[in-house]
């Protein structure tokens, strides 16, 4: 039996796109690529150690108290640039036909000038679209092809040779208040 996160129920409840058997088959297929029969906490722990993380007591770093120091600002600018490139490999995008964007502007479903926040892209079938981040407007959500599985699509501007990624995290200042005193650190 594969353990699937409770939120994955949305895959079957709201859309009917995937049956529980289809989800289990896909998860089993992915795990078997890595020689894993089922996912458990000890497997996750071993993988985190293999990736260079260590389970340790959470400690504050200079990032907590010196947000505007020159070195921290430089690091933040570099991080943001790297993150924006990585985000193209994440399921956070929606591609909309220009005529639909224009219709939504005319119907005041989205703000006038929203086009400047999108990037023109050519879909694999040759169709021209405007690509937006999924968080720009809820009005764009019906156009997401993988909305129920991932919450967004991959960017058409991504490097097609790179694998998709899922990144998670939380602003460090919130960790102490929300999570335990221990965490995986690299």
N, C-alpha and C. Protein backbone atom coordinates (compact mmCIF):
# COMPACT_ATOMS: atom_id res chain seq x y z
N UNK A 1 0.84 -1.19 0.00
CA UNK A 1 0.00 0.00 0.00
C UNK A 1 0.88 1.24 0.00
N UNK A 2 0.61 2.16 -0.90
CA UNK A 2 1.36 3.41 -1.00
C UNK A 2 0.69 4.44 -0.08
N UNK A 3 1.49 5.15 0.69
CA UNK A 3 0.95 6.22 1.52
C UNK A 3 0.93 7.49 0.69
N UNK A 4 -0.25 8.07 0.52
CA UNK A 4 -0.40 9.29 -0.27
C UNK A 4 -0.88 10.39 0.66
N UNK A 5 -0.35 11.58 0.48
CA UNK A 5 -0.72 12.72 1.31
C UNK A 5 -2.22 12.95 1.23
N UNK A 6 -2.89 13.33 2.34
CA UNK A 6 -4.34 13.51 2.33
C UNK A 6 -4.82 14.52 1.30
N UNK A 7 -4.01 15.53 0.97
CA UNK A 7 -4.45 16.52 0.00
C UNK A 7 -4.59 15.93 -1.39
N UNK A 8 -3.97 14.77 -1.63
CA UNK A 8 -4.09 14.14 -2.93
C UNK A 8 -5.50 13.63 -3.19
N UNK A 9 -6.36 13.62 -2.15
CA UNK A 9 -7.75 13.25 -2.37
C UNK A 9 -8.40 14.21 -3.36
N UNK A 10 -7.87 15.43 -3.44
CA UNK A 10 -8.41 16.41 -4.38
C UNK A 10 -8.31 15.91 -5.82
N UNK A 11 -7.35 15.03 -6.09
CA UNK A 11 -7.21 14.50 -7.45
C UNK A 11 -8.44 13.71 -7.87
N UNK A 12 -9.07 13.04 -6.93
CA UNK A 12 -10.23 12.23 -7.28
C UNK A 12 -11.55 12.91 -6.91
N UNK A 13 -11.59 13.60 -5.78
CA UNK A 13 -12.84 14.19 -5.32
C UNK A 13 -13.39 15.27 -6.24
N UNK A 14 -12.55 16.22 -6.62
CA UNK A 14 -13.04 17.39 -7.32
C UNK A 14 -13.10 17.25 -8.82
N UNK A 15 -12.32 16.42 -9.40
CA UNK A 15 -12.28 16.38 -10.85
C UNK A 15 -12.63 15.03 -11.44
N UNK A 16 -12.35 13.99 -10.70
CA UNK A 16 -12.55 12.67 -11.27
C UNK A 16 -11.53 12.35 -12.35
N UNK A 17 -10.48 13.19 -12.48
CA UNK A 17 -9.47 12.97 -13.51
C UNK A 17 -8.71 11.68 -13.29
N UNK A 18 -8.42 11.38 -12.03
CA UNK A 18 -7.61 10.21 -11.72
C UNK A 18 -8.33 9.36 -10.68
N UNK A 19 -8.36 8.09 -10.92
CA UNK A 19 -8.92 7.18 -9.91
C UNK A 19 -7.82 6.89 -8.89
N UNK A 20 -8.22 6.35 -7.75
CA UNK A 20 -7.23 6.00 -6.74
C UNK A 20 -6.24 4.97 -7.29
N UNK A 21 -6.75 4.05 -8.11
CA UNK A 21 -5.86 3.05 -8.72
C UNK A 21 -4.85 3.70 -9.65
N UNK A 22 -5.28 4.71 -10.43
CA UNK A 22 -4.35 5.40 -11.34
C UNK A 22 -3.28 6.15 -10.56
N UNK A 23 -3.69 6.79 -9.46
CA UNK A 23 -2.73 7.52 -8.64
C UNK A 23 -1.73 6.54 -8.04
N UNK A 24 -2.22 5.44 -7.48
CA UNK A 24 -1.33 4.45 -6.87
C UNK A 24 -0.38 3.86 -7.91
N UNK A 25 -0.89 3.59 -9.12
CA UNK A 25 -0.04 3.06 -10.19
C UNK A 25 1.08 4.04 -10.53
N UNK A 26 0.74 5.32 -10.63
CA UNK A 26 1.75 6.34 -10.97
C UNK A 26 2.79 6.49 -9.86
N UNK A 27 2.32 6.55 -8.61
CA UNK A 27 3.24 6.68 -7.48
C UNK A 27 4.15 5.45 -7.41
N UNK A 28 3.57 4.27 -7.57
CA UNK A 28 4.35 3.03 -7.55
C UNK A 28 5.41 3.05 -8.65
N UNK A 29 5.03 3.53 -9.82
CA UNK A 29 5.97 3.60 -10.95
C UNK A 29 7.15 4.51 -10.62
N UNK A 30 6.84 5.68 -10.06
CA UNK A 30 7.91 6.64 -9.72
C UNK A 30 8.82 6.05 -8.65
N UNK A 31 8.24 5.47 -7.60
CA UNK A 31 9.05 4.90 -6.53
C UNK A 31 9.91 3.74 -7.03
N UNK A 32 9.34 2.92 -7.93
CA UNK A 32 10.10 1.77 -8.41
C UNK A 32 11.30 2.18 -9.24
N UNK A 33 11.24 3.37 -9.88
CA UNK A 33 12.41 3.87 -10.62
C UNK A 33 13.62 3.99 -9.69
N UNK A 34 13.36 4.20 -8.40
CA UNK A 34 14.42 4.38 -7.42
C UNK A 34 14.58 3.16 -6.52
N UNK A 35 13.92 2.07 -6.87
CA UNK A 35 14.05 0.85 -6.09
C UNK A 35 13.34 0.90 -4.76
N UNK A 36 12.27 1.68 -4.65
CA UNK A 36 11.54 1.84 -3.40
C UNK A 36 10.17 1.18 -3.55
N UNK A 37 9.81 0.34 -2.58
CA UNK A 37 8.51 -0.32 -2.62
C UNK A 37 7.42 0.55 -2.00
N UNK A 38 7.74 1.25 -0.92
CA UNK A 38 6.78 2.16 -0.30
C UNK A 38 7.55 3.28 0.38
N UNK A 39 6.87 4.37 0.62
CA UNK A 39 7.48 5.53 1.22
C UNK A 39 7.15 5.58 2.70
N UNK A 40 8.18 5.71 3.52
CA UNK A 40 7.97 5.80 4.96
C UNK A 40 8.94 6.84 5.54
N UNK A 41 8.79 7.14 6.80
CA UNK A 41 9.63 8.17 7.43
C UNK A 41 11.10 7.78 7.39
N UNK A 42 11.42 6.52 7.63
CA UNK A 42 12.84 6.13 7.63
C UNK A 42 13.45 6.29 6.23
N UNK A 43 12.67 6.01 5.18
CA UNK A 43 13.18 6.22 3.82
C UNK A 43 13.43 7.70 3.57
N UNK A 44 12.48 8.52 3.97
CA UNK A 44 12.63 9.97 3.80
C UNK A 44 13.86 10.46 4.56
N UNK A 45 14.05 9.98 5.77
CA UNK A 45 15.20 10.38 6.58
C UNK A 45 16.50 9.98 5.89
N UNK A 46 16.59 8.74 5.38
CA UNK A 46 17.81 8.29 4.69
C UNK A 46 18.08 9.15 3.45
N UNK A 47 17.03 9.48 2.70
CA UNK A 47 17.21 10.31 1.51
C UNK A 47 17.71 11.70 1.89
N UNK A 48 17.16 12.27 2.95
CA UNK A 48 17.59 13.61 3.37
C UNK A 48 19.07 13.57 3.78
N UNK A 49 19.48 12.54 4.50
CA UNK A 49 20.90 12.40 4.86
C UNK A 49 21.76 12.25 3.62
N UNK A 50 21.30 11.43 2.67
CA UNK A 50 22.04 11.22 1.43
C UNK A 50 22.21 12.53 0.66
N UNK A 51 21.21 13.41 0.74
CA UNK A 51 21.26 14.70 0.05
C UNK A 51 22.11 15.73 0.80
N UNK A 52 22.64 15.34 1.96
CA UNK A 52 23.54 16.24 2.68
C UNK A 52 22.90 16.97 3.84
N UNK A 53 21.65 16.65 4.17
CA UNK A 53 20.98 17.30 5.29
C UNK A 53 21.25 16.54 6.58
N UNK A 54 21.15 17.25 7.69
CA UNK A 54 21.33 16.62 9.00
C UNK A 54 20.20 17.08 9.90
N UNK A 55 19.69 16.18 10.73
CA UNK A 55 18.64 16.51 11.68
C UNK A 55 19.31 17.19 12.86
N UNK A 56 18.97 18.45 13.11
CA UNK A 56 19.64 19.16 14.19
C UNK A 56 18.72 20.20 14.81
N UNK A 57 19.18 20.71 15.94
CA UNK A 57 18.41 21.75 16.63
C UNK A 57 18.44 23.01 15.78
N UNK A 58 17.31 23.63 15.64
CA UNK A 58 17.20 24.86 14.86
C UNK A 58 18.00 25.97 15.54
N UNK A 59 18.81 26.65 14.76
CA UNK A 59 19.60 27.76 15.30
C UNK A 59 19.35 29.00 14.45
N UNK A 60 19.48 30.13 15.07
CA UNK A 60 19.34 31.39 14.32
C UNK A 60 20.64 31.66 13.57
N UNK A 61 20.50 32.32 12.45
CA UNK A 61 21.68 32.68 11.67
C UNK A 61 21.73 34.20 11.53
N UNK A 62 22.78 34.68 10.90
CA UNK A 62 22.92 36.12 10.73
C UNK A 62 21.80 36.68 9.86
N UNK A 63 21.12 35.84 9.10
CA UNK A 63 20.02 36.33 8.27
C UNK A 63 18.87 36.85 9.12
N UNK A 64 18.72 36.33 10.35
CA UNK A 64 17.61 36.75 11.19
C UNK A 64 17.71 38.19 11.66
N UNK A 65 18.88 38.62 12.03
CA UNK A 65 18.99 39.92 12.68
C UNK A 65 19.70 40.98 11.84
N UNK A 66 20.12 40.65 10.66
CA UNK A 66 20.89 41.61 9.86
C UNK A 66 20.37 41.64 8.42
N UNK A 67 19.08 41.81 8.27
CA UNK A 67 18.47 41.74 6.94
C UNK A 67 19.03 42.75 5.94
N UNK A 68 19.51 43.87 6.41
CA UNK A 68 19.98 44.90 5.49
C UNK A 68 21.50 45.01 5.40
N UNK A 69 22.24 44.11 6.02
CA UNK A 69 23.70 44.11 5.88
C UNK A 69 24.06 43.91 4.41
N UNK A 70 25.15 44.49 3.99
CA UNK A 70 25.56 44.43 2.59
C UNK A 70 25.69 42.99 2.07
N UNK A 71 26.31 42.12 2.85
CA UNK A 71 26.50 40.73 2.42
C UNK A 71 25.15 40.01 2.29
N UNK A 72 24.23 40.28 3.21
CA UNK A 72 22.92 39.64 3.18
C UNK A 72 22.12 40.14 1.98
N UNK A 73 22.18 41.43 1.72
CA UNK A 73 21.46 42.01 0.57
C UNK A 73 22.00 41.41 -0.73
N UNK A 74 23.33 41.30 -0.85
CA UNK A 74 23.92 40.68 -2.05
C UNK A 74 23.44 39.25 -2.21
N UNK A 75 23.46 38.49 -1.12
CA UNK A 75 23.02 37.09 -1.16
C UNK A 75 21.54 37.00 -1.55
N UNK A 76 20.73 37.91 -1.00
CA UNK A 76 19.31 37.91 -1.31
C UNK A 76 19.07 38.19 -2.79
N UNK A 77 19.78 39.15 -3.35
CA UNK A 77 19.64 39.48 -4.77
C UNK A 77 20.03 38.29 -5.63
N UNK A 78 21.14 37.63 -5.27
CA UNK A 78 21.57 36.43 -6.02
C UNK A 78 20.53 35.32 -5.90
N UNK A 79 20.01 35.13 -4.68
CA UNK A 79 19.00 34.10 -4.45
C UNK A 79 17.75 34.35 -5.28
N UNK A 80 17.28 35.58 -5.29
CA UNK A 80 16.05 35.90 -6.04
C UNK A 80 16.25 35.61 -7.52
N UNK A 81 17.40 35.98 -8.07
CA UNK A 81 17.67 35.68 -9.48
C UNK A 81 17.67 34.19 -9.75
N UNK A 82 18.35 33.43 -8.89
CA UNK A 82 18.39 31.98 -9.05
C UNK A 82 16.99 31.38 -8.89
N UNK A 83 16.24 31.88 -7.90
CA UNK A 83 14.91 31.35 -7.63
C UNK A 83 13.98 31.59 -8.83
N UNK A 84 14.05 32.77 -9.41
CA UNK A 84 13.17 33.07 -10.55
C UNK A 84 13.47 32.15 -11.73
N UNK A 85 14.73 31.78 -11.91
CA UNK A 85 15.06 30.82 -12.97
C UNK A 85 14.54 29.42 -12.61
N UNK A 86 14.72 29.03 -11.35
CA UNK A 86 14.23 27.72 -10.91
C UNK A 86 12.71 27.64 -11.00
N UNK A 87 12.04 28.76 -10.77
CA UNK A 87 10.58 28.75 -10.77
C UNK A 87 10.01 28.36 -12.14
N UNK A 88 10.77 28.54 -13.18
CA UNK A 88 10.32 28.10 -14.51
C UNK A 88 10.17 26.59 -14.57
N UNK A 89 10.83 25.87 -13.66
CA UNK A 89 10.76 24.41 -13.61
C UNK A 89 9.70 23.92 -12.62
N UNK A 90 8.93 24.85 -12.06
CA UNK A 90 7.91 24.51 -11.07
C UNK A 90 6.52 24.65 -11.69
N UNK A 91 5.56 23.97 -11.10
CA UNK A 91 4.18 24.00 -11.59
C UNK A 91 3.48 25.25 -11.06
N UNK A 92 3.86 26.40 -11.61
CA UNK A 92 3.33 27.68 -11.12
C UNK A 92 2.92 28.61 -12.25
N UNK A 93 2.63 28.07 -13.40
CA UNK A 93 2.40 28.89 -14.57
C UNK A 93 1.08 28.55 -15.25
N UNK A 94 0.56 29.53 -15.97
CA UNK A 94 -0.64 29.33 -16.77
C UNK A 94 -0.44 30.08 -18.09
N UNK A 95 -0.81 29.43 -19.18
CA UNK A 95 -0.67 30.02 -20.51
C UNK A 95 -2.07 30.30 -21.06
N UNK A 96 -2.32 31.55 -21.43
CA UNK A 96 -3.66 31.98 -21.83
C UNK A 96 -3.60 32.63 -23.22
N UNK A 97 -4.56 32.29 -24.10
CA UNK A 97 -4.61 32.94 -25.41
C UNK A 97 -4.78 34.46 -25.24
N UNK A 98 -4.07 35.26 -26.04
CA UNK A 98 -4.19 36.72 -25.92
C UNK A 98 -5.63 37.22 -26.01
N UNK A 99 -6.45 36.59 -26.85
CA UNK A 99 -7.85 37.02 -26.97
C UNK A 99 -8.60 36.84 -25.65
N UNK A 100 -8.29 35.77 -24.92
CA UNK A 100 -8.93 35.53 -23.62
C UNK A 100 -8.49 36.57 -22.59
N UNK A 101 -7.20 36.93 -22.63
CA UNK A 101 -6.70 37.96 -21.71
C UNK A 101 -7.43 39.27 -22.01
N UNK A 102 -7.54 39.59 -23.28
CA UNK A 102 -8.23 40.83 -23.69
C UNK A 102 -9.69 40.80 -23.24
N UNK A 103 -10.37 39.66 -23.41
CA UNK A 103 -11.76 39.53 -22.99
C UNK A 103 -11.88 39.76 -21.48
N UNK A 104 -10.97 39.16 -20.70
CA UNK A 104 -11.02 39.32 -19.24
C UNK A 104 -10.78 40.76 -18.82
N UNK A 105 -9.89 41.46 -19.53
CA UNK A 105 -9.66 42.88 -19.25
C UNK A 105 -10.92 43.67 -19.55
N UNK A 106 -11.53 43.42 -20.72
CA UNK A 106 -12.75 44.14 -21.12
C UNK A 106 -13.91 43.88 -20.16
N UNK A 107 -14.00 42.68 -19.64
CA UNK A 107 -15.06 42.33 -18.69
C UNK A 107 -14.67 42.67 -17.25
N UNK A 108 -13.52 43.32 -17.09
CA UNK A 108 -12.99 43.75 -15.79
C UNK A 108 -12.82 42.59 -14.81
N UNK A 109 -12.50 41.42 -15.35
CA UNK A 109 -12.18 40.27 -14.50
C UNK A 109 -10.73 40.36 -14.02
N UNK A 110 -9.90 41.05 -14.80
CA UNK A 110 -8.50 41.31 -14.44
C UNK A 110 -8.23 42.78 -14.73
N UNK A 111 -7.18 43.30 -14.11
CA UNK A 111 -6.88 44.73 -14.26
C UNK A 111 -6.31 45.04 -15.64
N UNK A 112 -6.62 46.23 -16.11
CA UNK A 112 -6.06 46.70 -17.37
C UNK A 112 -4.54 46.80 -17.23
N UNK A 113 -3.82 46.38 -18.25
CA UNK A 113 -2.36 46.42 -18.21
C UNK A 113 -1.73 45.16 -17.65
N UNK A 114 -2.56 44.16 -17.31
CA UNK A 114 -2.02 42.93 -16.72
C UNK A 114 -1.08 42.22 -17.69
N UNK A 115 -1.23 42.50 -18.99
CA UNK A 115 -0.39 41.83 -20.00
C UNK A 115 1.09 42.04 -19.74
N UNK A 116 1.45 43.20 -19.16
CA UNK A 116 2.88 43.49 -18.92
C UNK A 116 3.49 42.55 -17.88
N UNK A 117 2.65 41.83 -17.13
CA UNK A 117 3.15 40.87 -16.15
C UNK A 117 3.27 39.47 -16.74
N UNK A 118 2.92 39.32 -18.01
CA UNK A 118 3.02 38.03 -18.67
C UNK A 118 4.15 38.02 -19.68
N UNK A 119 4.46 36.83 -20.16
CA UNK A 119 5.51 36.66 -21.17
C UNK A 119 4.89 35.95 -22.38
N UNK A 120 5.12 36.47 -23.58
CA UNK A 120 4.60 35.77 -24.76
C UNK A 120 5.33 34.45 -24.95
N UNK A 121 4.56 33.38 -25.21
CA UNK A 121 5.15 32.06 -25.41
C UNK A 121 4.46 31.38 -26.60
N UNK A 122 5.19 30.45 -27.18
CA UNK A 122 4.63 29.61 -28.23
C UNK A 122 4.45 28.21 -27.67
N UNK A 123 3.23 27.72 -27.73
CA UNK A 123 2.91 26.39 -27.23
C UNK A 123 3.48 25.34 -28.19
N UNK A 124 3.62 24.08 -27.74
CA UNK A 124 4.15 23.02 -28.61
C UNK A 124 3.37 22.86 -29.92
N UNK A 125 2.07 23.19 -29.89
CA UNK A 125 1.26 23.09 -31.11
C UNK A 125 1.36 24.33 -32.00
N UNK A 126 2.21 25.30 -31.59
CA UNK A 126 2.42 26.52 -32.38
C UNK A 126 1.52 27.68 -31.99
N UNK A 127 0.57 27.44 -31.10
CA UNK A 127 -0.36 28.48 -30.68
C UNK A 127 0.36 29.52 -29.82
N UNK A 128 0.04 30.79 -30.05
CA UNK A 128 0.63 31.88 -29.27
C UNK A 128 -0.21 32.10 -28.02
N UNK A 129 0.45 32.24 -26.89
CA UNK A 129 -0.23 32.50 -25.62
C UNK A 129 0.59 33.49 -24.81
N UNK A 130 -0.02 33.96 -23.73
CA UNK A 130 0.69 34.80 -22.76
C UNK A 130 0.80 33.98 -21.49
N UNK A 131 2.02 33.87 -20.97
CA UNK A 131 2.26 33.06 -19.78
C UNK A 131 2.30 33.96 -18.55
N UNK A 132 1.53 33.57 -17.53
CA UNK A 132 1.46 34.30 -16.27
C UNK A 132 1.77 33.36 -15.12
N UNK A 133 2.22 33.94 -14.01
CA UNK A 133 2.35 33.19 -12.77
C UNK A 133 0.93 32.94 -12.26
N UNK A 134 0.66 31.75 -11.72
CA UNK A 134 -0.69 31.40 -11.29
C UNK A 134 -1.24 32.33 -10.21
N UNK A 135 -0.38 32.97 -9.45
CA UNK A 135 -0.84 33.80 -8.34
C UNK A 135 -1.24 35.22 -8.75
N UNK A 136 -1.09 35.56 -10.02
CA UNK A 136 -1.42 36.92 -10.45
C UNK A 136 -2.92 37.19 -10.36
N UNK A 137 -3.73 36.22 -10.78
CA UNK A 137 -5.17 36.43 -10.74
C UNK A 137 -5.91 35.10 -10.67
N UNK A 138 -6.89 35.02 -9.79
CA UNK A 138 -7.72 33.82 -9.71
C UNK A 138 -8.52 33.61 -11.00
N UNK A 139 -8.74 34.67 -11.75
CA UNK A 139 -9.47 34.55 -13.02
C UNK A 139 -8.72 33.69 -14.02
N UNK A 140 -7.43 33.52 -13.84
CA UNK A 140 -6.63 32.70 -14.76
C UNK A 140 -6.69 31.20 -14.43
N UNK A 141 -7.11 30.87 -13.23
CA UNK A 141 -7.05 29.48 -12.78
C UNK A 141 -7.78 28.49 -13.68
N UNK A 142 -8.92 28.83 -14.28
CA UNK A 142 -9.59 27.84 -15.15
C UNK A 142 -8.74 27.42 -16.36
N UNK A 143 -7.72 28.19 -16.69
CA UNK A 143 -6.88 27.88 -17.84
C UNK A 143 -5.70 26.97 -17.50
N UNK A 144 -5.52 26.66 -16.21
CA UNK A 144 -4.42 25.79 -15.80
C UNK A 144 -4.75 24.36 -16.21
N UNK A 145 -3.86 23.75 -16.97
CA UNK A 145 -4.11 22.39 -17.47
C UNK A 145 -3.97 21.35 -16.37
N UNK A 146 -3.05 21.55 -15.42
CA UNK A 146 -2.80 20.57 -14.35
C UNK A 146 -3.24 21.09 -12.99
N UNK A 147 -4.29 21.89 -12.94
CA UNK A 147 -4.66 22.57 -11.69
C UNK A 147 -4.95 21.63 -10.54
N UNK A 148 -5.60 20.52 -10.81
CA UNK A 148 -5.98 19.65 -9.71
C UNK A 148 -4.82 18.82 -9.20
N UNK A 149 -3.86 18.55 -10.05
CA UNK A 149 -2.73 17.73 -9.63
C UNK A 149 -1.62 18.58 -9.02
N UNK A 150 -1.35 19.75 -9.60
CA UNK A 150 -0.17 20.50 -9.19
C UNK A 150 -0.43 21.96 -8.83
N UNK A 151 -1.57 22.52 -9.17
CA UNK A 151 -1.84 23.93 -8.89
C UNK A 151 -1.35 24.87 -9.96
N UNK A 152 -0.74 24.35 -11.01
CA UNK A 152 -0.26 25.17 -12.11
C UNK A 152 0.42 24.29 -13.14
N UNK A 153 0.86 24.91 -14.22
CA UNK A 153 1.57 24.21 -15.28
C UNK A 153 3.04 24.58 -15.24
N UNK A 154 3.85 23.83 -15.93
CA UNK A 154 5.25 24.20 -16.10
C UNK A 154 5.34 25.36 -17.08
N UNK A 155 6.38 26.15 -16.96
CA UNK A 155 6.59 27.27 -17.87
C UNK A 155 6.98 26.76 -19.25
N UNK A 156 6.46 27.40 -20.27
CA UNK A 156 6.88 27.10 -21.64
C UNK A 156 8.27 27.68 -21.91
N UNK A 157 8.77 28.52 -21.01
CA UNK A 157 10.09 29.13 -21.17
C UNK A 157 11.19 28.31 -20.50
N UNK A 158 10.83 27.18 -19.90
CA UNK A 158 11.80 26.37 -19.16
C UNK A 158 12.78 25.67 -20.10
N UNK A 159 13.89 25.24 -19.53
CA UNK A 159 14.84 24.39 -20.24
C UNK A 159 14.23 23.00 -20.31
N UNK A 160 13.92 22.55 -21.49
CA UNK A 160 13.20 21.28 -21.66
C UNK A 160 14.04 20.06 -21.27
N UNK A 161 15.33 20.24 -21.11
CA UNK A 161 16.20 19.13 -20.70
C UNK A 161 16.22 18.96 -19.19
N UNK A 162 15.72 19.95 -18.46
CA UNK A 162 15.73 19.90 -17.00
C UNK A 162 14.44 19.27 -16.48
N UNK A 163 14.57 18.55 -15.36
CA UNK A 163 13.40 17.94 -14.73
C UNK A 163 12.61 19.00 -13.98
N UNK A 164 11.31 18.76 -13.87
CA UNK A 164 10.45 19.62 -13.05
C UNK A 164 10.86 19.48 -11.59
N UNK A 165 10.67 20.55 -10.82
CA UNK A 165 11.01 20.50 -9.40
C UNK A 165 9.84 21.00 -8.56
N UNK A 166 9.81 20.55 -7.34
CA UNK A 166 8.86 21.06 -6.35
C UNK A 166 9.69 21.59 -5.20
N UNK A 167 9.52 22.85 -4.89
CA UNK A 167 10.30 23.48 -3.83
C UNK A 167 9.34 23.87 -2.71
N UNK A 168 9.76 23.63 -1.50
CA UNK A 168 8.93 24.02 -0.37
C UNK A 168 9.79 24.71 0.65
N UNK A 169 9.17 25.51 1.46
CA UNK A 169 9.92 26.21 2.48
C UNK A 169 9.06 27.24 3.17
N UNK A 170 9.69 27.97 4.05
CA UNK A 170 8.99 28.97 4.85
C UNK A 170 10.03 30.00 5.24
N UNK A 171 9.61 31.24 5.31
CA UNK A 171 10.51 32.28 5.77
C UNK A 171 11.08 31.86 7.12
N UNK A 172 12.39 31.96 7.27
CA UNK A 172 13.04 31.46 8.48
C UNK A 172 12.50 32.11 9.75
N UNK A 173 12.08 33.36 9.66
CA UNK A 173 11.59 34.04 10.87
C UNK A 173 10.32 33.39 11.40
N UNK A 174 9.60 32.64 10.56
CA UNK A 174 8.37 31.99 10.99
C UNK A 174 8.61 30.59 11.54
N UNK A 175 9.73 29.98 11.24
CA UNK A 175 9.97 28.59 11.63
C UNK A 175 9.83 28.37 13.13
N UNK A 176 10.46 29.22 13.91
CA UNK A 176 10.46 29.02 15.36
C UNK A 176 9.05 29.04 15.91
N UNK A 177 8.21 29.91 15.36
CA UNK A 177 6.85 30.03 15.87
C UNK A 177 5.96 28.89 15.41
N UNK A 178 6.20 28.34 14.24
CA UNK A 178 5.29 27.37 13.65
C UNK A 178 5.74 25.93 13.83
N UNK A 179 7.02 25.67 13.67
CA UNK A 179 7.50 24.31 13.64
C UNK A 179 8.24 23.92 14.92
N UNK A 180 8.71 22.71 14.97
CA UNK A 180 9.43 22.22 16.14
C UNK A 180 10.80 22.88 16.24
N UNK A 181 11.51 22.58 17.29
CA UNK A 181 12.85 23.14 17.48
C UNK A 181 13.91 22.42 16.68
N UNK A 182 13.52 21.33 16.01
CA UNK A 182 14.48 20.56 15.23
C UNK A 182 14.08 20.61 13.75
N UNK A 183 15.07 20.50 12.90
CA UNK A 183 14.80 20.55 11.47
C UNK A 183 15.96 19.88 10.71
N UNK A 184 15.75 19.65 9.43
CA UNK A 184 16.84 19.21 8.57
C UNK A 184 17.58 20.46 8.12
N UNK A 185 18.88 20.47 8.27
CA UNK A 185 19.71 21.60 7.83
C UNK A 185 20.81 21.06 6.96
N UNK A 186 21.24 21.86 6.03
CA UNK A 186 22.33 21.44 5.15
C UNK A 186 23.62 22.09 5.60
